[in-house]
Protein backbone atom coordinates (compact mmCIF):
# COMPACT_ATOMS: atom_id res chain seq x y z
CA MET A 1 -2.84 -26.80 11.50
CA ASN A 2 -3.56 -25.76 7.90
CA ASP A 3 -3.95 -28.44 5.24
CA THR A 4 -1.49 -27.47 2.48
CA SER A 5 -1.98 -30.68 0.48
CA GLN A 6 -4.43 -28.90 -1.84
CA LEU A 7 -1.96 -26.16 -2.76
CA LEU A 8 -0.48 -26.38 -6.24
CA PRO A 9 3.13 -25.16 -6.51
CA CYS A 10 3.17 -22.78 -9.49
CA VAL A 11 5.41 -20.29 -11.21
CA MET A 12 4.42 -16.84 -12.44
CA ILE A 13 6.46 -15.93 -15.52
CA PRO A 14 6.62 -12.27 -16.61
CA MET A 15 6.16 -11.55 -20.31
CA THR A 16 5.87 -8.15 -22.00
CA ASP A 17 2.14 -7.60 -21.46
CA ARG A 18 1.07 -10.48 -19.24
CA GLN A 19 2.02 -13.01 -16.61
CA LEU A 20 2.05 -16.70 -17.48
CA LEU A 21 1.02 -19.25 -14.88
CA LEU A 22 2.43 -22.77 -15.00
CA PRO A 23 2.72 -25.60 -12.48
CA ASN A 24 6.24 -26.13 -11.15
CA VAL A 25 6.41 -29.61 -12.69
CA SER A 26 6.30 -28.12 -16.20
CA ILE A 27 9.56 -26.23 -15.65
CA ALA A 28 12.88 -28.04 -15.95
CA GLU A 29 15.13 -25.05 -15.18
CA VAL A 30 15.45 -21.27 -15.31
CA VAL A 31 18.72 -19.99 -16.83
CA ASP A 32 20.27 -16.62 -17.64
CA TYR A 33 19.34 -15.13 -20.98
CA ALA A 34 23.04 -14.70 -21.77
CA GLY A 35 23.16 -18.40 -22.67
CA ALA A 36 20.99 -17.98 -25.78
CA GLU A 37 22.58 -17.94 -29.21
CA PRO A 38 20.86 -15.70 -31.78
CA VAL A 39 19.70 -17.30 -35.02
CA SER A 40 20.31 -15.85 -38.42
CA GLY A 41 18.71 -16.32 -41.78
CA ASP A 42 15.80 -14.86 -43.70
CA HIS A 43 13.63 -17.94 -43.33
CA GLN A 44 13.57 -18.13 -39.53
CA PRO A 45 10.15 -17.75 -37.91
CA GLY A 46 9.62 -14.44 -36.09
CA TRP A 47 8.95 -16.16 -32.77
CA LEU A 48 12.36 -17.91 -32.77
CA VAL A 49 14.76 -15.63 -30.91
CA GLY A 50 17.62 -18.09 -30.67
CA THR A 51 18.78 -21.45 -29.46
CA LEU A 52 20.02 -22.63 -26.11
CA ASN A 53 22.64 -25.32 -25.63
CA TRP A 54 21.24 -26.97 -22.52
CA ARG A 55 22.51 -30.25 -21.09
CA GLY A 56 23.88 -31.36 -24.44
CA GLN A 57 20.73 -30.45 -26.39
CA THR A 58 19.99 -27.52 -28.66
CA LEU A 59 16.64 -26.05 -27.70
CA PRO A 60 14.62 -23.47 -29.63
CA VAL A 61 14.11 -20.28 -27.61
CA ILE A 62 10.63 -18.90 -28.26
CA SER A 63 9.39 -15.35 -27.80
CA TYR A 64 5.96 -15.95 -26.28
CA ASP A 65 4.95 -12.44 -27.33
CA ALA A 66 5.68 -13.18 -30.99
CA ALA A 67 4.14 -16.66 -30.79
CA ASN A 68 1.01 -14.94 -29.51
CA GLY A 69 0.78 -12.60 -32.50
CA GLY A 70 2.86 -9.70 -31.17
CA GLN A 71 6.39 -8.51 -31.75
CA PRO A 72 9.38 -10.65 -30.76
CA ALA A 73 10.53 -9.62 -27.31
CA LEU A 74 14.04 -9.92 -25.99
CA PRO A 75 14.64 -9.14 -22.34
CA ALA A 76 14.23 -5.41 -21.76
CA ASN A 77 16.63 -5.52 -18.82
CA THR A 78 19.19 -7.73 -17.12
CA ARG A 79 16.44 -9.57 -15.21
CA GLY A 80 15.30 -11.48 -18.31
CA ARG A 81 15.69 -15.24 -18.17
CA ILE A 82 15.05 -18.34 -20.21
CA VAL A 83 12.59 -20.85 -18.83
CA VAL A 84 13.22 -24.42 -20.01
CA LEU A 85 9.92 -26.27 -20.21
CA ASN A 86 9.23 -30.00 -20.23
CA THR A 87 7.16 -30.95 -23.24
CA ILE A 88 4.02 -33.02 -22.83
CA GLY A 89 2.87 -33.75 -26.37
CA GLU A 90 3.03 -36.77 -28.61
CA HIS A 91 6.44 -35.66 -29.94
CA HIS A 92 8.07 -35.62 -26.51
CA ALA A 93 10.71 -38.17 -27.56
CA ARG A 94 11.76 -35.94 -30.46
CA LEU A 95 11.51 -32.68 -28.52
CA PRO A 96 11.65 -33.27 -24.75
CA PHE A 97 12.21 -29.58 -23.91
CA LEU A 98 11.68 -26.11 -25.30
CA ALA A 99 12.54 -22.68 -23.94
CA LEU A 100 10.78 -19.34 -23.49
CA VAL A 101 12.43 -15.96 -23.04
CA THR A 102 11.02 -13.97 -20.10
CA GLN A 103 10.93 -10.30 -19.22
CA GLY A 104 11.94 -10.84 -15.61
CA ILE A 105 12.63 -13.41 -12.97
CA PRO A 106 9.87 -16.01 -12.56
CA SER A 107 8.37 -16.15 -9.07
CA GLN A 108 7.04 -19.05 -7.03
CA ALA A 109 3.43 -19.22 -5.89
CA ARG A 110 1.45 -21.86 -4.00
CA LEU A 111 -2.15 -21.59 -5.09
CA ALA A 112 -5.34 -23.27 -4.01
CA GLU A 113 -8.10 -23.92 -6.52
CA THR A 114 -10.20 -21.28 -4.75
CA GLN A 115 -7.56 -18.62 -5.52
CA MET A 116 -8.00 -19.04 -9.30
CA GLN A 117 -11.03 -18.48 -11.47
CA THR A 118 -11.31 -18.75 -15.25
CA ILE A 119 -12.16 -15.38 -16.78
CA GLU A 120 -12.97 -13.98 -20.20
CA ALA A 121 -10.04 -11.97 -21.54
CA PRO A 122 -8.52 -11.38 -24.98
CA ARG A 123 -6.35 -14.37 -25.90
CA GLY A 124 -3.82 -15.07 -28.58
CA PRO A 125 -2.99 -18.41 -30.19
CA ALA A 126 -0.42 -19.25 -27.51
CA ASP A 127 -2.88 -18.68 -24.63
CA LEU A 128 -4.92 -21.65 -23.47
CA MET A 129 -6.97 -19.65 -20.96
CA ALA A 130 -7.01 -16.59 -18.76
CA VAL A 131 -7.45 -16.83 -15.01
CA ASP A 132 -7.92 -14.39 -12.19
CA VAL A 133 -5.39 -15.02 -9.43
CA GLU A 134 -6.32 -12.95 -6.40
CA GLY A 135 -7.32 -9.93 -8.49
CA HIS A 136 -4.58 -10.25 -11.12
CA THR A 137 -4.97 -11.71 -14.61
CA ALA A 138 -2.62 -14.53 -15.55
CA TYR A 139 -2.55 -16.64 -18.69
CA ILE A 140 -2.06 -20.36 -18.87
CA PRO A 141 -0.09 -21.03 -22.04
CA SER A 142 -1.02 -23.65 -24.60
CA LEU A 143 1.97 -25.95 -24.29
CA GLU A 144 0.75 -28.00 -27.25
CA TYR A 145 0.78 -24.89 -29.46
CA LEU A 146 4.27 -23.88 -28.28
CA GLU A 147 5.49 -27.43 -28.90
CA SER A 148 4.07 -27.36 -32.43
CA LEU A 149 6.07 -24.20 -33.11
CA ALA A 150 9.24 -25.62 -31.60
CA LEU A 151 8.88 -28.79 -33.69
CA GLU A 152 9.29 -26.63 -36.81
CA THR A 153 12.92 -26.06 -35.81
CA VAL A 154 13.79 -29.70 -35.11
CA GLY A 155 15.50 -31.41 -38.01
């Protein structure tokens, strides 16, 4: 019998030019993009694509691409989703969740430590590190950086 206790349940999240890799426990829910409300105003940050009314809370919806120094990216097709993330930083009580817009449907993966290796790859400010996952590059996002952006929208 195989020992699966060392497998970490993860989620691969498609962005415009990369896949993000996060542990399942960091994700509260995945919802349809149609639930996002666009924001208006000249003074909105470029990475803020809208807000999401989720379980009685208004969450900032972040374009990871724009937060990482690129152009804001809305879903290019009907497969785009919003991933609601649990926050982990010191301001968790003020901002318990934030949301990211995706370019497709996130997929489940169960990975062993031996299936991932840290690699050198170009990174933006929202990337914590790059890893090789069975021959494919994935990026682990800096949740602290994303939370710092989201906190700018909390009154």
